[in-house]
Amino acid sequence: GKVFNPSDTKGGTLRFANSGDWDSLDPADTYYGYSWNFIRNYG
């Protein structure tokens, strides 16, 4: 319901991990919620 540790500071590397494989990075072929959340970074 709110932002924790709000910041506008840029830089660094975000490190994600997935316990499985992606169904697909292709926008036409994906149906996992985390993929729809993440895909907004490149599409």
PDB file of all heavy atoms in Angstrom:
ATOM      1  N   GLY A   1       0.790  -1.227   0.000  1.00  0.00           N
ATOM      2  CA  GLY A   1       0.000   0.000   0.000  1.00  0.00           C
ATOM      3  C   GLY A   1       0.816   1.268   0.000  1.00  0.00           C
ATOM      4  O   GLY A   1       0.254   2.370  -0.033  1.00  0.00           O
ATOM      5  N   LYS A   2       2.134   1.150   0.052  1.00  0.00           N
ATOM      6  CA  LYS A   2       3.021   2.320   0.043  1.00  0.00           C
ATOM      7  C   LYS A   2       4.399   1.891  -0.442  1.00  0.00           C
ATOM      8  O   LYS A   2       4.684   0.700  -0.579  1.00  0.00           O
ATOM      9  CB  LYS A   2       3.113   2.926   1.447  1.00  0.00           C
ATOM     10  CG  LYS A   2       3.531   1.961   2.532  1.00  0.00           C
ATOM     11  CD  LYS A   2       3.426   2.595   3.907  1.00  0.00           C
ATOM     12  CE  LYS A   2       3.727   1.608   5.036  1.00  0.00           C
ATOM     13  NZ  LYS A   2       2.720   0.524   5.114  1.00  0.00           N
ATOM     14  N   VAL A   3       5.230   2.869  -0.709  1.00  0.00           N
ATOM     15  CA  VAL A   3       6.592   2.594  -1.184  1.00  0.00           C
ATOM     16  C   VAL A   3       7.515   2.477   0.020  1.00  0.00           C
ATOM     17  O   VAL A   3       7.559   3.373   0.876  1.00  0.00           O
ATOM     18  CB  VAL A   3       7.088   3.720  -2.105  1.00  0.00           C
ATOM     19  CG1 VAL A   3       8.507   3.420  -2.585  1.00  0.00           C
ATOM     20  CG2 VAL A   3       6.155   3.896  -3.295  1.00  0.00           C
ATOM     21  N   PHE A   4       8.261   1.389   0.076  1.00  0.00           N
ATOM     22  CA  PHE A   4       9.276   1.260   1.118  1.00  0.00           C
ATOM     23  C   PHE A   4      10.616   1.736   0.567  1.00  0.00           C
ATOM     24  O   PHE A   4      11.026   1.362  -0.524  1.00  0.00           O
ATOM     25  CB  PHE A   4       9.407  -0.191   1.600  1.00  0.00           C
ATOM     26  CG  PHE A   4      10.533  -0.368   2.586  1.00  0.00           C
ATOM     27  CD1 PHE A   4      10.421   0.149   3.873  1.00  0.00           C
ATOM     28  CD2 PHE A   4      11.701  -1.007   2.222  1.00  0.00           C
ATOM     29  CE1 PHE A   4      11.465   0.024   4.780  1.00  0.00           C
ATOM     30  CE2 PHE A   4      12.744  -1.153   3.123  1.00  0.00           C
ATOM     31  CZ  PHE A   4      12.625  -0.628   4.409  1.00  0.00           C
ATOM     32  N   ASN A   5      11.277   2.576   1.343  1.00  0.00           N
ATOM     33  CA  ASN A   5      12.594   3.107   0.995  1.00  0.00           C
ATOM     34  C   ASN A   5      12.559   3.849  -0.350  1.00  0.00           C
ATOM     35  O   ASN A   5      13.311   3.518  -1.275  1.00  0.00           O
ATOM     36  CB  ASN A   5      13.633   1.982   0.950  1.00  0.00           C
ATOM     37  CG  ASN A   5      15.047   2.491   1.166  1.00  0.00           C
ATOM     38  OD1 ASN A   5      15.260   3.650   1.515  1.00  0.00           O
ATOM     39  ND2 ASN A   5      16.027   1.616   0.941  1.00  0.00           N
ATOM     40  N   PRO A   6      11.689   4.853  -0.485  1.00  0.00           N
ATOM     41  CA  PRO A   6      11.576   5.564  -1.764  1.00  0.00           C
ATOM     42  C   PRO A   6      12.893   6.213  -2.161  1.00  0.00           C
ATOM     43  O   PRO A   6      13.650   6.698  -1.317  1.00  0.00           O
ATOM     44  CB  PRO A   6      10.488   6.605  -1.484  1.00  0.00           C
ATOM     45  CG  PRO A   6      10.421   6.739  -0.002  1.00  0.00           C
ATOM     46  CD  PRO A   6      10.806   5.412   0.556  1.00  0.00           C
ATOM     47  N   SER A   7      13.156   6.198  -3.468  1.00  0.00           N
ATOM     48  CA  SER A   7      14.421   6.724  -3.957  1.00  0.00           C
ATOM     49  C   SER A   7      14.313   7.030  -5.445  1.00  0.00           C
ATOM     50  O   SER A   7      13.552   6.394  -6.168  1.00  0.00           O
ATOM     51  CB  SER A   7      15.547   5.710  -3.724  1.00  0.00           C
ATOM     52  OG  SER A   7      16.759   6.142  -4.311  1.00  0.00           O
ATOM     53  N   ASP A   8      15.095   8.007  -5.904  1.00  0.00           N
ATOM     54  CA  ASP A   8      15.249   8.302  -7.324  1.00  0.00           C
ATOM     55  C   ASP A   8      16.674   7.992  -7.783  1.00  0.00           C
ATOM     56  O   ASP A   8      17.031   8.290  -8.930  1.00  0.00           O
ATOM     57  CB  ASP A   8      14.941   9.773  -7.602  1.00  0.00           C
ATOM     58  CG  ASP A   8      13.477  10.117  -7.363  1.00  0.00           C
ATOM     59  OD1 ASP A   8      12.614   9.321  -7.764  1.00  0.00           O
ATOM     60  OD2 ASP A   8      13.201  11.177  -6.763  1.00  0.00           O
ATOM     61  N   THR A   9      17.470   7.408  -6.924  1.00  0.00           N
ATOM     62  CA  THR A   9      18.874   7.164  -7.240  1.00  0.00           C
ATOM     63  C   THR A   9      19.018   6.033  -8.241  1.00  0.00           C
ATOM     64  O   THR A   9      18.479   4.940  -8.045  1.00  0.00           O
ATOM     65  CB  THR A   9      19.657   6.810  -5.960  1.00  0.00           C
ATOM     66  OG1 THR A   9      19.511   7.881  -5.017  1.00  0.00           O
ATOM     67  CG2 THR A   9      21.138   6.606  -6.270  1.00  0.00           C
ATOM     68  N   LYS A  10      19.765   6.298  -9.299  1.00  0.00           N
ATOM     69  CA  LYS A  10      19.972   5.310 -10.343  1.00  0.00           C
ATOM     70  C   LYS A  10      21.315   4.608 -10.168  1.00  0.00           C
ATOM     71  O   LYS A  10      22.213   5.099  -9.501  1.00  0.00           O
ATOM     72  CB  LYS A  10      19.901   5.974 -11.720  1.00  0.00           C
ATOM     73  CG  LYS A  10      18.547   6.576 -12.047  1.00  0.00           C
ATOM     74  CD  LYS A  10      18.538   7.200 -13.436  1.00  0.00           C
ATOM     75  CE  LYS A  10      17.161   7.751 -13.771  1.00  0.00           C
ATOM     76  NZ  LYS A  10      17.129   8.354 -15.134  1.00  0.00           N
ATOM     77  N   GLY A  11      21.425   3.427 -10.806  1.00  0.00           N
ATOM     78  CA  GLY A  11      22.690   2.708 -10.800  1.00  0.00           C
ATOM     79  C   GLY A  11      22.564   1.318 -10.203  1.00  0.00           C
ATOM     80  O   GLY A  11      21.545   0.949  -9.613  1.00  0.00           O
ATOM     81  N   GLY A  12      23.613   0.526 -10.390  1.00  0.00           N
ATOM     82  CA  GLY A  12      23.671  -0.802  -9.812  1.00  0.00           C
ATOM     83  C   GLY A  12      22.987  -1.854 -10.667  1.00  0.00           C
ATOM     84  O   GLY A  12      22.412  -1.579 -11.715  1.00  0.00           O
ATOM     85  N   THR A  13      23.051  -3.080 -10.163  1.00  0.00           N
ATOM     86  CA  THR A  13      22.485  -4.241 -10.851  1.00  0.00           C
ATOM     87  C   THR A  13      21.452  -4.911  -9.966  1.00  0.00           C
ATOM     88  O   THR A  13      21.743  -5.221  -8.800  1.00  0.00           O
ATOM     89  CB  THR A  13      23.579  -5.257 -11.209  1.00  0.00           C
ATOM     90  OG1 THR A  13      24.526  -4.647 -12.090  1.00  0.00           O
ATOM     91  CG2 THR A  13      22.987  -6.492 -11.883  1.00  0.00           C
ATOM     92  N   LEU A  14      20.261  -5.138 -10.495  1.00  0.00           N
ATOM     93  CA  LEU A  14      19.235  -5.909  -9.802  1.00  0.00           C
ATOM     94  C   LEU A  14      19.409  -7.374 -10.160  1.00  0.00           C
ATOM     95  O   LEU A  14      19.530  -7.725 -11.337  1.00  0.00           O
ATOM     96  CB  LEU A  14      17.835  -5.442 -10.199  1.00  0.00           C
ATOM     97  CG  LEU A  14      17.278  -4.205  -9.506  1.00  0.00           C
ATOM     98  CD1 LEU A  14      15.939  -3.831 -10.124  1.00  0.00           C
ATOM     99  CD2 LEU A  14      17.119  -4.439  -8.006  1.00  0.00           C
ATOM    100  N   ARG A  15      19.359  -8.249  -9.141  1.00  0.00           N
ATOM    101  CA  ARG A  15      19.612  -9.678  -9.339  1.00  0.00           C
ATOM    102  C   ARG A  15      18.356 -10.480  -9.001  1.00  0.00           C
ATOM    103  O   ARG A  15      17.974 -10.573  -7.848  1.00  0.00           O
ATOM    104  CB  ARG A  15      20.785 -10.116  -8.466  1.00  0.00           C
ATOM    105  CG  ARG A  15      22.068  -9.320  -8.702  1.00  0.00           C
ATOM    106  CD  ARG A  15      23.027  -9.448  -7.535  1.00  0.00           C
ATOM    107  NE  ARG A  15      22.425  -8.993  -6.284  1.00  0.00           N
ATOM    108  CZ  ARG A  15      23.001  -9.142  -5.082  1.00  0.00           C
ATOM    109  NH1 ARG A  15      24.182  -9.717  -4.969  1.00  0.00           N
ATOM    110  NH2 ARG A  15      22.390  -8.715  -3.995  1.00  0.00           N
ATOM    111  N   PHE A  16      17.748 -11.037 -10.029  1.00  0.00           N
ATOM    112  CA  PHE A  16      16.551 -11.866  -9.883  1.00  0.00           C
ATOM    113  C   PHE A  16      16.932 -13.337 -10.037  1.00  0.00           C
ATOM    114  O   PHE A  16      17.927 -13.672 -10.680  1.00  0.00           O
ATOM    115  CB  PHE A  16      15.525 -11.544 -10.974  1.00  0.00           C
ATOM    116  CG  PHE A  16      14.865 -10.200 -10.874  1.00  0.00           C
ATOM    117  CD1 PHE A  16      15.508  -9.049 -11.306  1.00  0.00           C
ATOM    118  CD2 PHE A  16      13.564 -10.088 -10.385  1.00  0.00           C
ATOM    119  CE1 PHE A  16      14.879  -7.809 -11.253  1.00  0.00           C
ATOM    120  CE2 PHE A  16      12.931  -8.857 -10.330  1.00  0.00           C
ATOM    121  CZ  PHE A  16      13.590  -7.713 -10.761  1.00  0.00           C
ATOM    122  N   ALA A  17      16.083 -14.208  -9.500  1.00  0.00           N
ATOM    123  CA  ALA A  17      16.235 -15.644  -9.742  1.00  0.00           C
ATOM    124  C   ALA A  17      14.860 -16.282  -9.877  1.00  0.00           C
ATOM    125  O   ALA A  17      13.897 -15.863  -9.243  1.00  0.00           O
ATOM    126  CB  ALA A  17      17.016 -16.318  -8.621  1.00  0.00           C
ATOM    127  N   ASN A  18      14.805 -17.314 -10.720  1.00  0.00           N
ATOM    128  CA  ASN A  18      13.582 -18.062 -10.995  1.00  0.00           C
ATOM    129  C   ASN A  18      13.860 -19.524 -10.692  1.00  0.00           C
ATOM    130  O   ASN A  18      14.862 -20.079 -11.163  1.00  0.00           O
ATOM    131  CB  ASN A  18      13.208 -17.882 -12.470  1.00  0.00           C
ATOM    132  CG  ASN A  18      11.858 -18.452 -12.841  1.00  0.00           C
ATOM    133  OD1 ASN A  18      11.335 -19.317 -12.153  1.00  0.00           O
ATOM    134  ND2 ASN A  18      11.301 -17.999 -13.949  1.00  0.00           N
ATOM    135  N   SER A  19      12.986 -20.163  -9.924  1.00  0.00           N
ATOM    136  CA  SER A  19      13.219 -21.565  -9.577  1.00  0.00           C
ATOM    137  C   SER A  19      13.007 -22.500 -10.764  1.00  0.00           C
ATOM    138  O   SER A  19      13.414 -23.656 -10.732  1.00  0.00           O
ATOM    139  CB  SER A  19      12.307 -21.996  -8.419  1.00  0.00           C
ATOM    140  OG  SER A  19      10.960 -22.048  -8.838  1.00  0.00           O
ATOM    141  N   GLY A  20      12.385 -21.995 -11.801  1.00  0.00           N
ATOM    142  CA  GLY A  20      12.206 -22.774 -13.022  1.00  0.00           C
ATOM    143  C   GLY A  20      12.698 -21.992 -14.215  1.00  0.00           C
ATOM    144  O   GLY A  20      13.500 -21.064 -14.095  1.00  0.00           O
ATOM    145  N   ASP A  21      12.207 -22.367 -15.383  1.00  0.00           N
ATOM    146  CA  ASP A  21      12.532 -21.644 -16.601  1.00  0.00           C
ATOM    147  C   ASP A  21      11.362 -20.733 -16.946  1.00  0.00           C
ATOM    148  O   ASP A  21      10.248 -20.919 -16.457  1.00  0.00           O
ATOM    149  CB  ASP A  21      12.793 -22.637 -17.744  1.00  0.00           C
ATOM    150  CG  ASP A  21      13.558 -22.018 -18.897  1.00  0.00           C
ATOM    151  OD1 ASP A  21      13.849 -20.802 -18.847  1.00  0.00           O
ATOM    152  OD2 ASP A  21      13.871 -22.756 -19.855  1.00  0.00           O
ATOM    153  N   TRP A  22      11.597 -19.741 -17.777  1.00  0.00           N
ATOM    154  CA  TRP A  22      10.552 -18.857 -18.278  1.00  0.00           C
ATOM    155  C   TRP A  22       9.703 -19.638 -19.271  1.00  0.00           C
ATOM    156  O   TRP A  22      10.229 -20.456 -20.031  1.00  0.00           O
ATOM    157  CB  TRP A  22      11.203 -17.675 -18.984  1.00  0.00           C
ATOM    158  CG  TRP A  22      10.567 -16.350 -18.736  1.00  0.00           C
ATOM    159  CD1 TRP A  22       9.571 -15.785 -19.450  1.00  0.00           C
ATOM    160  CD2 TRP A  22      10.916 -15.399 -17.718  1.00  0.00           C
ATOM    161  NE1 TRP A  22       9.261 -14.537 -18.943  1.00  0.00           N
ATOM    162  CE2 TRP A  22      10.074 -14.280 -17.887  1.00  0.00           C
ATOM    163  CE3 TRP A  22      11.840 -15.381 -16.684  1.00  0.00           C
ATOM    164  CZ2 TRP A  22      10.147 -13.150 -17.063  1.00  0.00           C
ATOM    165  CZ3 TRP A  22      11.913 -14.275 -15.871  1.00  0.00           C
ATOM    166  CH2 TRP A  22      11.076 -13.176 -16.048  1.00  0.00           C
ATOM    167  N   ASP A  23       8.376 -19.412 -19.273  1.00  0.00           N
ATOM    168  CA  ASP A  23       7.602 -20.071 -20.329  1.00  0.00           C
ATOM    169  C   ASP A  23       8.062 -19.555 -21.681  1.00  0.00           C
ATOM    170  O   ASP A  23       8.321 -20.327 -22.600  1.00  0.00           O
ATOM    171  CB  ASP A  23       6.090 -19.925 -20.123  1.00  0.00           C
ATOM    172  CG  ASP A  23       5.589 -18.499 -19.978  1.00  0.00           C
ATOM    173  OD1 ASP A  23       6.414 -17.562 -19.883  1.00  0.00           O
ATOM    174  OD2 ASP A  23       4.358 -18.325 -19.950  1.00  0.00           O
ATOM    175  N   SER A  24       8.192 -18.234 -21.825  1.00  0.00           N
ATOM    176  CA  SER A  24       8.801 -17.636 -23.009  1.00  0.00           C
ATOM    177  C   SER A  24       8.963 -16.152 -22.754  1.00  0.00           C
ATOM    178  O   SER A  24       8.108 -15.514 -22.127  1.00  0.00           O
ATOM    179  CB  SER A  24       7.950 -17.857 -24.260  1.00  0.00           C
ATOM    180  OG  SER A  24       8.538 -17.214 -25.388  1.00  0.00           O
ATOM    181  N   LEU A  25      10.041 -15.581 -23.286  1.00  0.00           N
ATOM    182  CA  LEU A  25      10.238 -14.140 -23.235  1.00  0.00           C
ATOM    183  C   LEU A  25       9.530 -13.440 -24.386  1.00  0.00           C
ATOM    184  O   LEU A  25       9.457 -12.211 -24.414  1.00  0.00           O
ATOM    185  CB  LEU A  25      11.740 -13.818 -23.262  1.00  0.00           C
ATOM    186  CG  LEU A  25      12.506 -14.253 -22.010  1.00  0.00           C
ATOM    187  CD1 LEU A  25      14.008 -14.237 -22.278  1.00  0.00           C
ATOM    188  CD2 LEU A  25      12.170 -13.366 -20.821  1.00  0.00           C
ATOM    189  N   ASP A  26       9.010 -14.222 -25.325  1.00  0.00           N
ATOM    190  CA  ASP A  26       8.269 -13.685 -26.462  1.00  0.00           C
ATOM    191  C   ASP A  26       6.918 -13.178 -25.963  1.00  0.00           C
ATOM    192  O   ASP A  26       6.160 -13.932 -25.346  1.00  0.00           O
ATOM    193  CB  ASP A  26       8.076 -14.773 -27.517  1.00  0.00           C
ATOM    194  CG  ASP A  26       7.522 -14.248 -28.836  1.00  0.00           C
ATOM    195  OD1 ASP A  26       6.618 -13.380 -28.811  1.00  0.00           O
ATOM    196  OD2 ASP A  26       7.970 -14.730 -29.888  1.00  0.00           O
ATOM    197  N   PRO A  27       6.563 -11.912 -26.237  1.00  0.00           N
ATOM    198  CA  PRO A  27       5.281 -11.387 -25.747  1.00  0.00           C
ATOM    199  C   PRO A  27       4.063 -12.167 -26.228  1.00  0.00           C
ATOM    200  O   PRO A  27       3.006 -12.103 -25.591  1.00  0.00           O
ATOM    201  CB  PRO A  27       5.262  -9.951 -26.301  1.00  0.00           C
ATOM    202  CG  PRO A  27       6.684  -9.606 -26.547  1.00  0.00           C
ATOM    203  CD  PRO A  27       7.353 -10.886 -26.938  1.00  0.00           C
ATOM    204  N   ALA A  28       4.195 -12.898 -27.322  1.00  0.00           N
ATOM    205  CA  ALA A  28       3.060 -13.658 -27.852  1.00  0.00           C
ATOM    206  C   ALA A  28       2.859 -14.981 -27.141  1.00  0.00           C
ATOM    207  O   ALA A  28       1.842 -15.647 -27.351  1.00  0.00           O
ATOM    208  CB  ALA A  28       3.265 -13.927 -29.352  1.00  0.00           C
ATOM    209  N   ASP A  29       3.808 -15.379 -26.305  1.00  0.00           N
ATOM    210  CA  ASP A  29       3.830 -16.763 -25.838  1.00  0.00           C
ATOM    211  C   ASP A  29       4.094 -16.881 -24.344  1.00  0.00           C
ATOM    212  O   ASP A  29       4.742 -17.823 -23.896  1.00  0.00           O
ATOM    213  CB  ASP A  29       4.909 -17.527 -26.627  1.00  0.00           C
ATOM    214  CG  ASP A  29       4.736 -19.034 -26.578  1.00  0.00           C
ATOM    215  OD1 ASP A  29       3.584 -19.492 -26.459  1.00  0.00           O
ATOM    216  OD2 ASP A  29       5.750 -19.752 -26.667  1.00  0.00           O
ATOM    217  N   THR A  30       3.586 -15.957 -23.567  1.00  0.00           N
ATOM    218  CA  THR A  30       3.853 -15.982 -22.136  1.00  0.00           C
ATOM    219  C   THR A  30       2.569 -15.785 -21.346  1.00  0.00           C
ATOM    220  O   THR A  30       1.715 -14.979 -21.730  1.00  0.00           O
ATOM    221  CB  THR A  30       4.899 -14.916 -21.752  1.00  0.00           C
ATOM    222  OG1 THR A  30       5.214 -15.031 -20.363  1.00  0.00           O
ATOM    223  CG2 THR A  30       4.409 -13.506 -22.052  1.00  0.00           C
ATOM    224  N   TYR A  31       2.446 -16.525 -20.217  1.00  0.00           N
ATOM    225  CA  TYR A  31       1.210 -16.415 -19.425  1.00  0.00           C
ATOM    226  C   TYR A  31       1.465 -16.653 -17.939  1.00  0.00           C
ATOM    227  O   TYR A  31       0.624 -17.188 -17.241  1.00  0.00           O
ATOM    228  CB  TYR A  31       0.173 -17.395 -19.959  1.00  0.00           C
ATOM    229  CG  TYR A  31      -1.276 -16.960 -19.730  1.00  0.00           C
ATOM    230  CD1 TYR A  31      -1.608 -15.767 -19.102  1.00  0.00           C
ATOM    231  CD2 TYR A  31      -2.314 -17.763 -20.156  1.00  0.00           C
ATOM    232  CE1 TYR A  31      -2.915 -15.392 -18.907  1.00  0.00           C
ATOM    233  CE2 TYR A  31      -3.644 -17.401 -19.965  1.00  0.00           C
ATOM    234  CZ  TYR A  31      -3.934 -16.216 -19.347  1.00  0.00           C
ATOM    235  OH  TYR A  31      -5.243 -15.851 -19.150  1.00  0.00           O
ATOM    236  N   TYR A  32       2.642 -16.274 -17.465  1.00  0.00           N
ATOM    237  CA  TYR A  32       2.881 -16.268 -16.033  1.00  0.00           C
ATOM    238  C   TYR A  32       2.805 -14.840 -15.518  1.00  0.00           C
ATOM    239  O   TYR A  32       3.271 -13.900 -16.188  1.00  0.00           O
ATOM    240  CB  TYR A  32       4.239 -16.892 -15.695  1.00  0.00           C
ATOM    241  CG  TYR A  32       4.174 -18.393 -15.575  1.00  0.00           C
ATOM    242  CD1 TYR A  32       4.575 -19.218 -16.622  1.00  0.00           C
ATOM    243  CD2 TYR A  32       3.684 -18.989 -14.425  1.00  0.00           C
ATOM    244  CE1 TYR A  32       4.492 -20.599 -16.523  1.00  0.00           C
ATOM    245  CE2 TYR A  32       3.593 -20.366 -14.310  1.00  0.00           C
ATOM    246  CZ  TYR A  32       3.995 -21.168 -15.361  1.00  0.00           C
ATOM    247  OH  TYR A  32       3.895 -22.527 -15.251  1.00  0.00           O
ATOM    248  N   GLY A  33       2.221 -14.665 -14.328  1.00  0.00           N
ATOM    249  CA  GLY A  33       2.041 -13.333 -13.771  1.00  0.00           C
ATOM    250  C   GLY A  33       3.350 -12.592 -13.616  1.00  0.00           C
ATOM    251  O   GLY A  33       3.444 -11.394 -13.904  1.00  0.00           O
ATOM    252  N   TYR A  34       4.386 -13.299 -13.149  1.00  0.00           N
ATOM    253  CA  TYR A  34       5.663 -12.625 -12.973  1.00  0.00           C
ATOM    254  C   TYR A  34       6.227 -12.155 -14.308  1.00  0.00           C
ATOM    255  O   TYR A  34       6.914 -11.135 -14.396  1.00  0.00           O
ATOM    256  CB  TYR A  34       6.667 -13.526 -12.241  1.00  0.00           C
ATOM    257  CG  TYR A  34       7.118 -14.754 -12.990  1.00  0.00           C
ATOM    258  CD1 TYR A  34       8.128 -14.681 -13.949  1.00  0.00           C
ATOM    259  CD2 TYR A  34       6.575 -15.997 -12.734  1.00  0.00           C
ATOM    260  CE1 TYR A  34       8.560 -15.799 -14.636  1.00  0.00           C
ATOM    261  CE2 TYR A  34       7.003 -17.125 -13.409  1.00  0.00           C
ATOM    262  CZ  TYR A  34       8.001 -17.021 -14.359  1.00  0.00           C
ATOM    263  OH  TYR A  34       8.424 -18.143 -15.029  1.00  0.00           O
ATOM    264  N   SER A  35       5.918 -12.904 -15.385  1.00  0.00           N
ATOM    265  CA  SER A  35       6.385 -12.514 -16.710  1.00  0.00           C
ATOM    266  C   SER A  35       5.675 -11.249 -17.185  1.00  0.00           C
ATOM    267  O   SER A  35       6.297 -10.333 -17.738  1.00  0.00           O
ATOM    268  CB  SER A  35       6.158 -13.659 -17.698  1.00  0.00           C
ATOM    269  OG  SER A  35       6.566 -13.302 -18.999  1.00  0.00           O
ATOM    270  N   TRP A  36       4.355 -11.180 -16.962  1.00  0.00           N
ATOM    271  CA  TRP A  36       3.609  -9.985 -17.357  1.00  0.00           C
ATOM    272  C   TRP A  36       4.050  -8.765 -16.542  1.00  0.00           C
ATOM    273  O   TRP A  36       4.034  -7.639 -17.042  1.00  0.00           O
ATOM    274  CB  TRP A  36       2.109 -10.222 -17.174  1.00  0.00           C
ATOM    275  CG  TRP A  36       1.500 -11.130 -18.200  1.00  0.00           C
ATOM    276  CD1 TRP A  36       2.150 -12.018 -19.009  1.00  0.00           C
ATOM    277  CD2 TRP A  36       0.123 -11.235 -18.523  1.00  0.00           C
ATOM    278  NE1 TRP A  36       1.245 -12.674 -19.808  1.00  0.00           N
ATOM    279  CE2 TRP A  36      -0.007 -12.218 -19.528  1.00  0.00           C
ATOM    280  CE3 TRP A  36      -1.027 -10.617 -18.053  1.00  0.00           C
ATOM    281  CZ2 TRP A  36      -1.240 -12.580 -20.083  1.00  0.00           C
ATOM    282  CZ3 TRP A  36      -2.254 -10.979 -18.597  1.00  0.00           C
ATOM    283  CH2 TRP A  36      -2.355 -11.955 -19.609  1.00  0.00           C
ATOM    284  N   ASN A  37       4.417  -8.982 -15.308  1.00  0.00           N
ATOM    285  CA  ASN A  37       4.949  -7.916 -14.469  1.00  0.00           C
ATOM    286  C   ASN A  37       6.306  -7.453 -15.019  1.00  0.00           C
ATOM    287  O   ASN A  37       6.525  -6.263 -15.275  1.00  0.00           O
ATOM    288  CB  ASN A  37       5.098  -8.456 -13.037  1.00  0.00           C
ATOM    289  CG  ASN A  37       5.589  -7.419 -12.040  1.00  0.00           C
ATOM    290  OD1 ASN A  37       5.819  -6.259 -12.363  1.00  0.00           O
ATOM    291  ND2 ASN A  37       5.759  -7.849 -10.802  1.00  0.00           N
ATOM    292  N   PHE A  38       7.189  -8.396 -15.282  1.00  0.00           N
ATOM    293  CA  PHE A  38       8.564  -8.091 -15.692  1.00  0.00           C
ATOM    294  C   PHE A  38       8.657  -7.567 -17.117  1.00  0.00           C
ATOM    295  O   PHE A  38       9.521  -6.737 -17.430  1.00  0.00           O
ATOM    296  CB  PHE A  38       9.421  -9.353 -15.545  1.00  0.00           C
ATOM    297  CG  PHE A  38      10.887  -9.134 -15.792  1.00  0.00           C
ATOM    298  CD1 PHE A  38      11.723  -8.720 -14.765  1.00  0.00           C
ATOM    299  CD2 PHE A  38      11.438  -9.335 -17.055  1.00  0.00           C
ATOM    300  CE1 PHE A  38      13.081  -8.516 -14.990  1.00  0.00           C
ATOM    301  CE2 PHE A  38      12.784  -9.136 -17.291  1.00  0.00           C
ATOM    302  CZ  PHE A  38      13.610  -8.726 -16.251  1.00  0.00           C
ATOM    303  N   ILE A  39       7.773  -8.050 -18.001  1.00  0.00           N
ATOM    304  CA  ILE A  39       7.886  -7.725 -19.424  1.00  0.00           C
ATOM    305  C   ILE A  39       7.777  -6.222 -19.678  1.00  0.00           C
ATOM    306  O   ILE A  39       8.270  -5.717 -20.700  1.00  0.00           O
ATOM    307  CB  ILE A  39       6.821  -8.500 -20.232  1.00  0.00           C
ATOM    308  CG1 ILE A  39       7.271  -8.676 -21.691  1.00  0.00           C
ATOM    309  CG2 ILE A  39       5.449  -7.819 -20.156  1.00  0.00           C
ATOM    310  CD1 ILE A  39       6.414  -9.664 -22.471  1.00  0.00           C
ATOM    311  N   ARG A  40       7.204  -5.497 -18.754  1.00  0.00           N
ATOM    312  CA  ARG A  40       7.088  -4.045 -18.895  1.00  0.00           C
ATOM    313  C   ARG A  40       8.443  -3.349 -18.917  1.00  0.00           C
ATOM    314  O   ARG A  40       8.552  -2.192 -19.311  1.00  0.00           O
ATOM    315  CB  ARG A  40       6.216  -3.473 -17.776  1.00  0.00           C
ATOM    316  CG  ARG A  40       4.789  -3.994 -17.773  1.00  0.00           C
ATOM    317  CD  ARG A  40       3.996  -3.511 -16.566  1.00  0.00           C
ATOM    318  NE  ARG A  40       4.558  -3.996 -15.319  1.00  0.00           N
ATOM    319  CZ  ARG A  40       4.306  -3.465 -14.124  1.00  0.00           C
ATOM    320  NH1 ARG A  40       3.500  -2.412 -14.019  1.00  0.00           N
ATOM    321  NH2 ARG A  40       4.856  -3.980 -13.047  1.00  0.00           N
ATOM    322  N   ASN A  41       9.504  -4.074 -18.522  1.00  0.00           N
ATOM    323  CA  ASN A  41      10.851  -3.518 -18.581  1.00  0.00           C
ATOM    324  C   ASN A  41      11.409  -3.497 -19.998  1.00  0.00           C
ATOM    325  O   ASN A  41      12.253  -2.651 -20.311  1.00  0.00           O
ATOM    326  CB  ASN A  41      11.802  -4.315 -17.682  1.00  0.00           C
ATOM    327  CG  ASN A  41      11.595  -4.025 -16.216  1.00  0.00           C
ATOM    328  OD1 ASN A  41      11.644  -2.875 -15.798  1.00  0.00           O
ATOM    329  ND2 ASN A  41      11.354  -5.067 -15.426  1.00  0.00           N
ATOM    330  N   TYR A  42      10.969  -4.433 -20.846  1.00  0.00           N
ATOM    331  CA  TYR A  42      11.519  -4.458 -22.208  1.00  0.00           C
ATOM    332  C   TYR A  42      10.463  -4.318 -23.298  1.00  0.00           C
ATOM    333  O   TYR A  42      10.803  -4.284 -24.482  1.00  0.00           O
ATOM    334  CB  TYR A  42      12.380  -5.705 -22.430  1.00  0.00           C
ATOM    335  CG  TYR A  42      11.683  -7.042 -22.341  1.00  0.00           C
ATOM    336  CD1 TYR A  42      11.074  -7.614 -23.456  1.00  0.00           C
ATOM    337  CD2 TYR A  42      11.681  -7.783 -21.155  1.00  0.00           C
ATOM    338  CE1 TYR A  42      10.464  -8.859 -23.391  1.00  0.00           C
ATOM    339  CE2 TYR A  42      11.088  -9.028 -21.074  1.00  0.00           C
ATOM    340  CZ  TYR A  42      10.482  -9.562 -22.197  1.00  0.00           C
ATOM    341  OH  TYR A  42       9.878 -10.806 -22.126  1.00  0.00           O
ATOM    342  N   GLY A  43       9.195  -4.225 -22.907  1.00  0.00           N
ATOM    343  CA  GLY A  43       8.149  -4.082 -23.909  1.00  0.00           C
ATOM    344  C   GLY A  43       7.088  -3.086 -23.488  1.00  0.00           C
ATOM    345  O   GLY A  43       6.734  -2.993 -22.304  1.00  0.00           O
TER     346      GLY A  43
END
